[in-house]
PDB file of N, CA and C in Angstrom:
ATOM      1  N   UNK A   1       0.848  -1.149  -0.016  1.00  0.00           N
ATOM      2  CA  UNK A   1      -0.002   0.103  -0.006  1.00  0.00           C
ATOM      3  C   UNK A   1       0.749   1.259   0.021  1.00  0.00           C
ATOM      4  N   UNK A   2       0.746   2.146  -0.969  1.00  0.00           N
ATOM      5  CA  UNK A   2       1.373   3.406  -0.934  1.00  0.00           C
ATOM      6  C   UNK A   2       0.801   4.501  -0.193  1.00  0.00           C
ATOM      7  N   UNK A   3       1.772   4.993   0.692  1.00  0.00           N
ATOM      8  CA  UNK A   3       1.189   6.084   1.546  1.00  0.00           C
ATOM      9  C   UNK A   3       0.721   7.409   0.656  1.00  0.00           C
ATOM     10  N   UNK A   4       0.311   8.384   1.426  1.00  0.00           N
ATOM     11  CA  UNK A   4      -0.383   9.535   0.592  1.00  0.00           C
ATOM     12  C   UNK A   4       0.768  10.354   0.113  1.00  0.00           C
ATOM     13  N   UNK A   5       0.670  10.768  -1.140  1.00  0.00           N
ATOM     14  CA  UNK A   5       1.719  11.424  -1.755  1.00  0.00           C
ATOM     15  C   UNK A   5       1.113  12.967  -2.205  1.00  0.00           C
ATOM     16  N   UNK A   6       1.526  14.030  -1.583  1.00  0.00           N
ATOM     17  CA  UNK A   6       0.718  15.223  -2.098  1.00  0.00           C
ATOM     18  C   UNK A   6       0.992  15.498  -3.510  1.00  0.00           C
ATOM     19  N   UNK A   7       2.153  15.184  -4.119  1.00  0.00           N
ATOM     20  CA  UNK A   7       2.386  15.333  -5.440  1.00  0.00           C
ATOM     21  C   UNK A   7       1.536  14.565  -6.404  1.00  0.00           C
ATOM     22  N   UNK A   8       1.179  13.458  -5.936  1.00  0.00           N
ATOM     23  CA  UNK A   8       0.210  12.591  -6.763  1.00  0.00           C
ATOM     24  C   UNK A   8      -1.081  13.208  -6.654  1.00  0.00           C
ATOM     25  N   UNK A   9      -1.340  13.636  -5.619  1.00  0.00           N
ATOM     26  CA  UNK A   9      -2.708  14.410  -5.396  1.00  0.00           C
ATOM     27  C   UNK A   9      -2.618  15.618  -6.300  1.00  0.00           C
ATOM     28  N   UNK A  10      -1.645  16.309  -6.264  1.00  0.00           N
ATOM     29  CA  UNK A  10      -1.672  17.527  -7.022  1.00  0.00           C
ATOM     30  C   UNK A  10      -1.881  17.347  -8.597  1.00  0.00           C
ATOM     31  N   UNK A  11      -1.048  16.280  -9.017  1.00  0.00           N
ATOM     32  CA  UNK A  11      -1.123  15.584 -10.301  1.00  0.00           C
ATOM     33  C   UNK A  11      -2.622  15.273 -10.822  1.00  0.00           C
ATOM     34  N   UNK A  12      -3.460  14.606  -9.895  1.00  0.00           N
ATOM     35  CA  UNK A  12      -4.386  14.142 -10.143  1.00  0.00           C
ATOM     36  C   UNK A  12      -5.643  15.247  -9.924  1.00  0.00           C
ATOM     37  N   UNK A  13      -5.302  16.331  -9.408  1.00  0.00           N
ATOM     38  CA  UNK A  13      -6.124  17.456  -9.248  1.00  0.00           C
ATOM     39  C   UNK A  13      -7.184  17.514  -7.920  1.00  0.00           C
ATOM     40  N   UNK A  14      -6.612  16.720  -7.116  1.00  0.00           N
ATOM     41  CA  UNK A  14      -7.277  16.309  -5.828  1.00  0.00           C
ATOM     42  C   UNK A  14      -6.804  17.737  -4.816  1.00  0.00           C
ATOM     43  N   UNK A  15      -5.594  18.017  -5.155  1.00  0.00           N
ATOM     44  CA  UNK A  15      -4.988  18.951  -4.027  1.00  0.00           C
ATOM     45  C   UNK A  15      -4.768  20.395  -5.066  1.00  0.00           C
ATOM     46  N   UNK A  16      -4.893  21.590  -4.406  1.00  0.00           N
ATOM     47  CA  UNK A  16      -4.633  22.501  -4.959  1.00  0.00           C
ATOM     48  C   UNK A  16      -3.088  22.952  -5.274  1.00  0.00           C
ATOM     49  N   UNK A  17      -2.757  23.828  -6.258  1.00  0.00           N
ATOM     50  CA  UNK A  17      -1.461  24.212  -6.523  1.00  0.00           C
ATOM     51  C   UNK A  17      -1.563  25.419  -7.684  1.00  0.00           C
ATOM     52  N   UNK A  18      -0.494  26.143  -7.426  1.00  0.00           N
ATOM     53  CA  UNK A  18      -0.380  27.184  -8.563  1.00  0.00           C
ATOM     54  C   UNK A  18       0.575  26.526  -9.566  1.00  0.00           C
ATOM     55  N   UNK A  19      -0.172  25.906 -10.655  1.00  0.00           N
ATOM     56  CA  UNK A  19       0.566  25.386 -11.803  1.00  0.00           C
ATOM     57  C   UNK A  19       1.029  26.319 -12.981  1.00  0.00           C
ATOM     58  N   UNK A  20       2.463  26.399 -13.058  1.00  0.00           N
ATOM     59  CA  UNK A  20       3.026  27.096 -13.905  1.00  0.00           C
ATOM     60  C   UNK A  20       3.188  26.618 -15.192  1.00  0.00           C
ATOM     61  N   UNK A  21       3.207  25.251 -15.287  1.00  0.00           N
ATOM     62  CA  UNK A  21       3.551  24.651 -16.588  1.00  0.00           C
ATOM     63  C   UNK A  21       3.112  23.099 -16.322  1.00  0.00           C
ATOM     64  N   UNK A  22       2.285  22.746 -17.507  1.00  0.00           N
ATOM     65  CA  UNK A  22       1.720  21.325 -17.332  1.00  0.00           C
ATOM     66  C   UNK A  22       1.916  20.637 -18.874  1.00  0.00           C
ATOM     67  N   UNK A  23       2.350  19.577 -18.716  1.00  0.00           N
ATOM     68  CA  UNK A  23       2.383  18.720 -20.043  1.00  0.00           C
ATOM     69  C   UNK A  23       1.947  17.242 -19.597  1.00  0.00           C
ATOM     70  N   UNK A  24       2.106  16.374 -20.628  1.00  0.00           N
ATOM     71  CA  UNK A  24       1.783  14.996 -20.435  1.00  0.00           C
ATOM     72  C   UNK A  24       2.701  14.388 -19.210  1.00  0.00           C
ATOM     73  N   UNK A  25       3.812  14.853 -19.226  1.00  0.00           N
ATOM     74  CA  UNK A  25       4.936  14.084 -18.386  1.00  0.00           C
ATOM     75  C   UNK A  25       5.230  14.901 -17.025  1.00  0.00           C
ATOM     76  N   UNK A  26       5.114  16.137 -17.049  1.00  0.00           N
ATOM     77  CA  UNK A  26       5.817  17.204 -16.114  1.00  0.00           C
ATOM     78  C   UNK A  26       4.673  18.148 -15.778  1.00  0.00           C
ATOM     79  N   UNK A  27       4.826  18.698 -14.509  1.00  0.00           N
ATOM     80  CA  UNK A  27       4.208  19.667 -14.118  1.00  0.00           C
ATOM     81  C   UNK A  27       5.110  20.654 -13.241  1.00  0.00           C
ATOM     82  N   UNK A  28       5.095  21.984 -13.432  1.00  0.00           N
ATOM     83  CA  UNK A  28       5.859  22.873 -12.665  1.00  0.00           C
ATOM     84  C   UNK A  28       4.907  23.696 -11.792  1.00  0.00           C
ATOM     85  N   UNK A  29       5.096  23.637 -10.431  1.00  0.00           N
ATOM     86  CA  UNK A  29       4.099  24.327  -9.503  1.00  0.00           C
ATOM     87  C   UNK A  29       4.962  25.260  -8.752  1.00  0.00           C
ATOM     88  N   UNK A  30       4.433  26.233  -8.169  1.00  0.00           N
ATOM     89  CA  UNK A  30       4.798  27.200  -7.180  1.00  0.00           C
ATOM     90  C   UNK A  30       5.019  26.613  -5.796  1.00  0.00           C
ATOM     91  N   UNK A  31       6.220  26.660  -5.243  1.00  0.00           N
ATOM     92  CA  UNK A  31       6.498  26.034  -3.995  1.00  0.00           C
ATOM     93  C   UNK A  31       5.709  26.812  -2.799  1.00  0.00           C
ATOM     94  N   UNK A  32       5.139  26.133  -1.886  1.00  0.00           N
ATOM     95  CA  UNK A  32       4.583  26.772  -0.691  1.00  0.00           C
ATOM     96  C   UNK A  32       5.523  27.647   0.117  1.00  0.00           C
ATOM     97  N   UNK A  33       6.851  26.938   0.274  1.00  0.00           N
ATOM     98  CA  UNK A  33       7.881  27.533   1.019  1.00  0.00           C
ATOM     99  C   UNK A  33       8.500  28.605   0.264  1.00  0.00           C
ATOM    100  N   UNK A  34       8.741  29.781   0.922  1.00  0.00           N
ATOM    101  CA  UNK A  34       9.472  31.089  -0.005  1.00  0.00           C
ATOM    102  C   UNK A  34      10.621  31.489   0.680  1.00  0.00           C
ATOM    103  N   UNK A  35      11.593  30.436   0.869  1.00  0.00           N
ATOM    104  CA  UNK A  35      12.887  30.909   0.939  1.00  0.00           C
ATOM    105  C   UNK A  35      13.646  31.853   0.317  1.00  0.00           C
ATOM    106  N   UNK A  36      13.461  32.094  -1.139  1.00  0.00           N
ATOM    107  CA  UNK A  36      13.870  32.842  -1.986  1.00  0.00           C
ATOM    108  C   UNK A  36      12.713  33.556  -2.722  1.00  0.00           C
ATOM    109  N   UNK A  37      12.855  34.695  -3.359  1.00  0.00           N
ATOM    110  CA  UNK A  37      11.726  35.137  -4.108  1.00  0.00           C
ATOM    111  C   UNK A  37      11.160  34.116  -5.155  1.00  0.00           C
ATOM    112  N   UNK A  38      11.912  33.466  -5.834  1.00  0.00           N
ATOM    113  CA  UNK A  38      11.329  32.457  -6.663  1.00  0.00           C
ATOM    114  C   UNK A  38      11.393  31.150  -6.494  1.00  0.00           C
ATOM    115  N   UNK A  39      10.657  30.282  -5.745  1.00  0.00           N
ATOM    116  CA  UNK A  39      10.835  28.859  -5.540  1.00  0.00           C
ATOM    117  C   UNK A  39       9.942  28.076  -6.022  1.00  0.00           C
ATOM    118  N   UNK A  40      10.140  27.156  -7.242  1.00  0.00           N
ATOM    119  CA  UNK A  40       9.186  26.232  -7.862  1.00  0.00           C
ATOM    120  C   UNK A  40       9.727  24.961  -7.731  1.00  0.00           C
ATOM    121  N   UNK A  41       8.740  24.049  -8.065  1.00  0.00           N
ATOM    122  CA  UNK A  41       9.047  22.488  -7.848  1.00  0.00           C
ATOM    123  C   UNK A  41       8.678  22.082  -9.473  1.00  0.00           C
ATOM    124  N   UNK A  42       9.590  21.457 -10.105  1.00  0.00           N
ATOM    125  CA  UNK A  42       9.323  20.504 -11.400  1.00  0.00           C
ATOM    126  C   UNK A  42       9.361  19.031 -10.862  1.00  0.00           C
ATOM    127  N   UNK A  43       7.858  18.565 -11.160  1.00  0.00           N
ATOM    128  CA  UNK A  43       7.671  17.208 -10.825  1.00  0.00           C
ATOM    129  C   UNK A  43       7.344  16.386 -11.829  1.00  0.00           C
ATOM    130  N   UNK A  44       7.766  15.022 -11.822  1.00  0.00           N
ATOM    131  CA  UNK A  44       7.247  14.191 -13.051  1.00  0.00           C
ATOM    132  C   UNK A  44       5.969  13.637 -12.697  1.00  0.00           C
ATOM    133  N   UNK A  45       4.944  13.597 -13.453  1.00  0.00           N
ATOM    134  CA  UNK A  45       3.620  13.346 -13.211  1.00  0.00           C
ATOM    135  C   UNK A  45       3.540  11.622 -12.844  1.00  0.00           C
ATOM    136  N   UNK A  46       4.639  10.872 -13.043  1.00  0.00           N
ATOM    137  CA  UNK A  46       4.399   9.522 -12.725  1.00  0.00           C
ATOM    138  C   UNK A  46       5.321   9.474 -11.267  1.00  0.00           C
ATOM    139  N   UNK A  47       4.758   8.779 -10.554  1.00  0.00           N
ATOM    140  CA  UNK A  47       5.406   8.800  -9.274  1.00  0.00           C
ATOM    141  C   UNK A  47       6.627   7.847  -9.212  1.00  0.00           C
ATOM    142  N   UNK A  48       7.928   8.654  -9.023  1.00  0.00           N
ATOM    143  CA  UNK A  48       9.123   7.881  -9.174  1.00  0.00           C
ATOM    144  C   UNK A  48      10.025   8.437  -8.134  1.00  0.00           C
ATOM    145  N   UNK A  49      11.261   7.917  -7.458  1.00  0.00           N
ATOM    146  CA  UNK A  49      12.078   8.308  -6.631  1.00  0.00           C
ATOM    147  C   UNK A  49      13.047   9.245  -7.318  1.00  0.00           C
ATOM    148  N   UNK A  50      13.903   9.998  -6.251  1.00  0.00           N
ATOM    149  CA  UNK A  50      14.695  11.106  -7.077  1.00  0.00           C
ATOM    150  C   UNK A  50      15.889  10.290  -7.898  1.00  0.00           C
ATOM    151  N   UNK A  51      16.387   9.167  -7.395  1.00  0.00           N
ATOM    152  CA  UNK A  51      17.551   8.398  -8.268  1.00  0.00           C
ATOM    153  C   UNK A  51      16.863   8.102  -9.625  1.00  0.00           C
ATOM    154  N   UNK A  52      15.626   7.673  -9.850  1.00  0.00           N
ATOM    155  CA  UNK A  52      14.983   7.149 -11.036  1.00  0.00           C
ATOM    156  C   UNK A  52      15.064   8.638 -11.945  1.00  0.00           C
ATOM    157  N   UNK A  53      14.677   9.805 -11.324  1.00  0.00           N
ATOM    158  CA  UNK A  53      14.689  11.003 -11.967  1.00  0.00           C
ATOM    159  C   UNK A  53      15.847  11.425 -12.426  1.00  0.00           C
ATOM    160  N   UNK A  54      16.909  11.435 -11.696  1.00  0.00           N
ATOM    161  CA  UNK A  54      18.198  11.920 -12.032  1.00  0.00           C
ATOM    162  C   UNK A  54      18.898  10.923 -12.866  1.00  0.00           C
ATOM    163  N   UNK A  55      18.551   9.888 -13.079  1.00  0.00           N
ATOM    164  CA  UNK A  55      19.190   8.910 -14.181  1.00  0.00           C
ATOM    165  C   UNK A  55      18.798   9.030 -15.405  1.00  0.00           C
ATOM    166  N   UNK A  56      17.638   9.934 -15.555  1.00  0.00           N
ATOM    167  CA  UNK A  56      17.230  10.541 -16.935  1.00  0.00           C
ATOM    168  C   UNK A  56      16.349  11.812 -16.578  1.00  0.00           C
ATOM    169  N   UNK A  57      16.830  12.781 -16.607  1.00  0.00           N
ATOM    170  CA  UNK A  57      16.129  14.243 -16.340  1.00  0.00           C
ATOM    171  C   UNK A  57      15.226  14.555 -17.518  1.00  0.00           C
ATOM    172  N   UNK A  58      15.430  14.202 -18.652  1.00  0.00           N
ATOM    173  CA  UNK A  58      14.476  14.203 -19.874  1.00  0.00           C
ATOM    174  C   UNK A  58      13.549  15.345 -19.554  1.00  0.00           C
ATOM    175  N   UNK A  59      12.374  15.018 -19.828  1.00  0.00           N
ATOM    176  CA  UNK A  59      11.196  16.078 -19.748  1.00  0.00           C
ATOM    177  C   UNK A  59      11.136  16.924 -18.672  1.00  0.00           C
ATOM    178  N   UNK A  60      11.615  16.573 -17.321  1.00  0.00           N
ATOM    179  CA  UNK A  60      11.448  17.263 -16.073  1.00  0.00           C
ATOM    180  C   UNK A  60      12.701  18.265 -16.465  1.00  0.00           C
ATOM    181  N   UNK A  61      13.937  17.895 -16.774  1.00  0.00           N
ATOM    182  CA  UNK A  61      14.763  18.956 -16.594  1.00  0.00           C
ATOM    183  C   UNK A  61      14.625  19.774 -17.771  1.00  0.00           C
ATOM    184  N   UNK A  62      14.159  19.363 -18.798  1.00  0.00           N
ATOM    185  CA  UNK A  62      13.869  20.489 -19.842  1.00  0.00           C
ATOM    186  C   UNK A  62      12.696  21.430 -19.559  1.00  0.00           C
ATOM    187  N   UNK A  63      11.715  21.026 -18.731  1.00  0.00           N
ATOM    188  CA  UNK A  63      10.600  21.944 -18.334  1.00  0.00           C
ATOM    189  C   UNK A  63      11.339  22.732 -17.009  1.00  0.00           C
ATOM    190  N   UNK A  64      12.012  22.319 -16.273  1.00  0.00           N
ATOM    191  CA  UNK A  64      12.718  23.181 -15.157  1.00  0.00           C
ATOM    192  C   UNK A  64      13.410  24.043 -15.727  1.00  0.00           C
ATOM    193  N   UNK A  65      14.158  23.865 -16.711  1.00  0.00           N
ATOM    194  CA  UNK A  65      15.157  25.064 -17.446  1.00  0.00           C
ATOM    195  C   UNK A  65      14.027  25.835 -18.045  1.00  0.00           C
ATOM    196  N   UNK A  66      13.073  25.480 -18.655  1.00  0.00           N
ATOM    197  CA  UNK A  66      12.260  26.421 -19.620  1.00  0.00           C
ATOM    198  C   UNK A  66      11.649  27.417 -18.630  1.00  0.00           C
ATOM    199  N   UNK A  67      10.876  27.029 -17.547  1.00  0.00           N
ATOM    200  CA  UNK A  67      10.041  27.701 -16.644  1.00  0.00           C
ATOM    201  C   UNK A  67      11.176  28.616 -15.830  1.00  0.00           C
ATOM    202  N   UNK A  68      12.401  28.097 -15.502  1.00  0.00           N
ATOM    203  CA  UNK A  68      13.265  28.893 -14.709  1.00  0.00           C
ATOM    204  C   UNK A  68      13.853  30.119 -15.620  1.00  0.00           C
ATOM    205  N   UNK A  69      14.206  29.848 -16.809  1.00  0.00           N
ATOM    206  CA  UNK A  69      14.504  30.909 -17.627  1.00  0.00           C
ATOM    207  C   UNK A  69      13.456  32.128 -17.774  1.00  0.00           C
ATOM    208  N   UNK A  70      12.203  31.461 -17.910  1.00  0.00           N
ATOM    209  CA  UNK A  70      11.074  32.534 -17.981  1.00  0.00           C
ATOM    210  C   UNK A  70      10.836  33.378 -16.434  1.00  0.00           C
ATOM    211  N   UNK A  71      11.078  32.752 -15.397  1.00  0.00           N
ATOM    212  CA  UNK A  71      10.911  33.302 -14.192  1.00  0.00           C
ATOM    213  C   UNK A  71      11.922  33.786 -13.365  1.00  0.00           C
ATOM    214  N   UNK A  72      13.114  33.396 -13.958  1.00  0.00           N
ATOM    215  CA  UNK A  72      14.513  33.796 -13.260  1.00  0.00           C
ATOM    216  C   UNK A  72      15.482  34.314 -14.177  1.00  0.00           C
ATOM    217  N   UNK A  73      15.344  35.353 -15.015  1.00  0.00           N
ATOM    218  CA  UNK A  73      16.086  35.688 -16.301  1.00  0.00           C
ATOM    219  C   UNK A  73      17.578  35.983 -16.049  1.00  0.00           C
ATOM    220  N   UNK A  74      17.636  36.401 -14.464  1.00  0.00           N
ATOM    221  CA  UNK A  74      18.968  36.593 -14.294  1.00  0.00           C
ATOM    222  C   UNK A  74      19.909  35.361 -13.673  1.00  0.00           C
ATOM    223  N   UNK A  75      19.219  34.373 -13.768  1.00  0.00           N
ATOM    224  CA  UNK A  75      19.995  33.080 -13.282  1.00  0.00           C
ATOM    225  C   UNK A  75      19.226  32.226 -12.103  1.00  0.00           C
ATOM    226  N   UNK A  76      19.561  31.060 -12.105  1.00  0.00           N
ATOM    227  CA  UNK A  76      18.797  30.176 -11.232  1.00  0.00           C
ATOM    228  C   UNK A  76      19.589  29.085 -10.578  1.00  0.00           C
ATOM    229  N   UNK A  77      19.110  28.344  -9.898  1.00  0.00           N
ATOM    230  CA  UNK A  77      19.846  27.136  -9.227  1.00  0.00           C
ATOM    231  C   UNK A  77      18.615  26.032  -9.332  1.00  0.00           C
ATOM    232  N   UNK A  78      19.055  24.807  -9.841  1.00  0.00           N
ATOM    233  CA  UNK A  78      18.194  23.541  -9.755  1.00  0.00           C
ATOM    234  C   UNK A  78      19.014  22.805  -8.766  1.00  0.00           C
ATOM    235  N   UNK A  79      18.194  22.236  -7.951  1.00  0.00           N
ATOM    236  CA  UNK A  79      18.503  21.238  -6.841  1.00  0.00           C
ATOM    237  C   UNK A  79      17.610  20.264  -6.377  1.00  0.00           C
ATOM    238  N   UNK A  80      18.195  19.096  -5.941  1.00  0.00           N
ATOM    239  CA  UNK A  80      17.293  18.104  -5.303  1.00  0.00           C
ATOM    240  C   UNK A  80      17.825  17.529  -4.138  1.00  0.00           C
ATOM    241  N   UNK A  81      16.956  17.271  -3.141  1.00  0.00           N
ATOM    242  CA  UNK A  81      17.320  16.507  -1.772  1.00  0.00           C
ATOM    243  C   UNK A  81      17.105  15.107  -1.986  1.00  0.00           C
ATOM    244  N   UNK A  82      18.204  14.410  -1.363  1.00  0.00           N
ATOM    245  CA  UNK A  82      17.940  12.672  -1.563  1.00  0.00           C
ATOM    246  C   UNK A  82      18.146  12.442  -0.030  1.00  0.00           C
ATOM    247  N   UNK A  83      17.095  11.688   0.428  1.00  0.00           N
ATOM    248  CA  UNK A  83      17.097  11.031   1.718  1.00  0.00           C
ATOM    249  C   UNK A  83      16.910  11.863   2.870  1.00  0.00           C
ATOM    250  N   UNK A  84      16.799  11.389   4.060  1.00  0.00           N
ATOM    251  CA  UNK A  84      16.648  11.994   5.287  1.00  0.00           C
ATOM    252  C   UNK A  84      17.833  12.962   5.639  1.00  0.00           C
ATOM    253  N   UNK A  85      19.010  12.479   5.462  1.00  0.00           N
ATOM    254  CA  UNK A  85      20.117  13.343   5.784  1.00  0.00           C
ATOM    255  C   UNK A  85      20.390  14.628   4.652  1.00  0.00           C
ATOM    256  N   UNK A  86      19.796  14.377   3.582  1.00  0.00           N
ATOM    257  CA  UNK A  86      19.601  15.630   2.617  1.00  0.00           C
ATOM    258  C   UNK A  86      18.352  16.512   2.662  1.00  0.00           C
ATOM    259  N   UNK A  87      17.614  16.124   3.804  1.00  0.00           N
ATOM    260  CA  UNK A  87      16.491  16.898   3.799  1.00  0.00           C
ATOM    261  C   UNK A  87      15.321  17.002   2.929  1.00  0.00           C
ATOM    262  N   UNK A  88      15.267  15.572   2.292  1.00  0.00           N
ATOM    263  CA  UNK A  88      14.126  15.365   1.314  1.00  0.00           C
ATOM    264  C   UNK A  88      12.865  14.966   2.144  1.00  0.00           C
ATOM    265  N   UNK A  89      11.853  15.766   1.919  1.00  0.00           N
ATOM    266  CA  UNK A  89      10.631  15.623   2.518  1.00  0.00           C
ATOM    267  C   UNK A  89       9.416  14.903   1.825  1.00  0.00           C
ATOM    268  N   UNK A  90       9.617  14.720   0.564  1.00  0.00           N
ATOM    269  CA  UNK A  90       8.599  14.070  -0.370  1.00  0.00           C
ATOM    270  C   UNK A  90       9.275  12.918  -1.075  1.00  0.00           C
ATOM    271  N   UNK A  91       8.797  11.898  -0.970  1.00  0.00           N
ATOM    272  CA  UNK A  91       9.289  10.446  -1.796  1.00  0.00           C
ATOM    273  C   UNK A  91       9.155  10.790  -3.018  1.00  0.00           C
ATOM    274  N   UNK A  92       8.153  11.614  -3.565  1.00  0.00           N
ATOM    275  CA  UNK A  92       8.071  11.696  -5.225  1.00  0.00           C
ATOM    276  C   UNK A  92       9.038  12.696  -5.670  1.00  0.00           C
ATOM    277  N   UNK A  93       9.852  12.189  -6.453  1.00  0.00           N
ATOM    278  CA  UNK A  93      10.845  12.935  -7.292  1.00  0.00           C
ATOM    279  C   UNK A  93      10.301  14.416  -7.584  1.00  0.00           C
ATOM    280  N   UNK A  94      11.386  15.218  -7.489  1.00  0.00           N
ATOM    281  CA  UNK A  94      11.200  16.663  -7.690  1.00  0.00           C
ATOM    282  C   UNK A  94      12.490  17.618  -7.792  1.00  0.00           C
ATOM    283  N   UNK A  95      12.379  18.463  -8.669  1.00  0.00           N
ATOM    284  CA  UNK A  95      13.594  19.318  -8.725  1.00  0.00           C
ATOM    285  C   UNK A  95      13.334  20.794  -8.424  1.00  0.00           C
ATOM    286  N   UNK A  96      13.976  21.492  -7.194  1.00  0.00           N
ATOM    287  CA  UNK A  96      13.700  22.731  -6.891  1.00  0.00           C
ATOM    288  C   UNK A  96      14.226  23.733  -7.898  1.00  0.00           C
ATOM    289  N   UNK A  97      13.428  24.809  -8.269  1.00  0.00           N
ATOM    290  CA  UNK A  97      14.100  25.646  -9.126  1.00  0.00           C
ATOM    291  C   UNK A  97      14.101  27.099  -7.952  1.00  0.00           C
ATOM    292  N   UNK A  98      15.245  27.604  -7.849  1.00  0.00           N
ATOM    293  CA  UNK A  98      15.331  28.632  -6.998  1.00  0.00           C
ATOM    294  C   UNK A  98      15.907  29.947  -7.814  1.00  0.00           C
ATOM    295  N   UNK A  99      15.588  31.198  -7.635  1.00  0.00           N
ATOM    296  CA  UNK A  99      16.090  32.134  -8.139  1.00  0.00           C
ATOM    297  C   UNK A  99      15.259  33.566  -7.570  1.00  0.00           C
ATOM    298  N   UNK A 100      15.427  34.507  -8.573  1.00  0.00           N
ATOM    299  CA  UNK A 100      14.649  35.812  -8.373  1.00  0.00           C
ATOM    300  C   UNK A 100      15.540  36.778  -7.323  1.00  0.00           C
ATOM    301  N   UNK A 101      16.760  36.423  -7.220  1.00  0.00           N
ATOM    302  CA  UNK A 101      17.590  36.983  -6.225  1.00  0.00           C
ATOM    303  C   UNK A 101      19.158  36.493  -6.470  1.00  0.00           C
ATOM    304  N   UNK A 102      20.033  37.115  -6.219  1.00  0.00           N
ATOM    305  CA  UNK A 102      21.513  36.741  -6.180  1.00  0.00           C
ATOM    306  C   UNK A 102      21.571  35.662  -5.114  1.00  0.00           C
ATOM    307  N   UNK A 103      21.877  34.471  -5.600  1.00  0.00           N
ATOM    308  CA  UNK A 103      21.945  33.290  -4.418  1.00  0.00           C
ATOM    309  C   UNK A 103      23.196  33.233  -3.968  1.00  0.00           C
ATOM    310  N   UNK A 104      24.046  34.241  -4.080  1.00  0.00           N
ATOM    311  CA  UNK A 104      25.381  34.032  -3.201  1.00  0.00           C
ATOM    312  C   UNK A 104      25.103  34.430  -1.792  1.00  0.00           C
ATOM    313  N   UNK A 105      24.073  35.082  -1.655  1.00  0.00           N
ATOM    314  CA  UNK A 105      23.577  35.306  -0.276  1.00  0.00           C
ATOM    315  C   UNK A 105      22.922  34.281   0.578  1.00  0.00           C
ATOM    316  N   UNK A 106      22.348  33.380  -0.421  1.00  0.00           N
ATOM    317  CA  UNK A 106      21.627  32.200   0.226  1.00  0.00           C
ATOM    318  C   UNK A 106      22.458  30.798   0.079  1.00  0.00           C
ATOM    319  N   UNK A 107      23.767  30.941  -0.150  1.00  0.00           N
ATOM    320  CA  UNK A 107      24.505  29.621  -0.344  1.00  0.00           C
ATOM    321  C   UNK A 107      24.037  28.339   0.634  1.00  0.00           C
TER     322      UNK A 107
END
């Protein structure tokens, strides 16, 4: 039995999200956390773990860069957290898109 996955619920339309990009394979949403002015999440629509995603970034990587270039024209950072020690809070694979400010102050 799979436990509750908020990203799967967002993809299914059962949880609300500010959706900035939506294709057959990928969704980019605004993150509820606001550590920097622009904080987005690129998620594959199919539930997978981080290592599966990073083995083939494909459509997720392309969508992340496309939306990041639109929302962070001065530059951006793409990151993912892996496991408990890496502070991964969601099992569903995702890429953080950070920007909107000089990130040297947020190293």
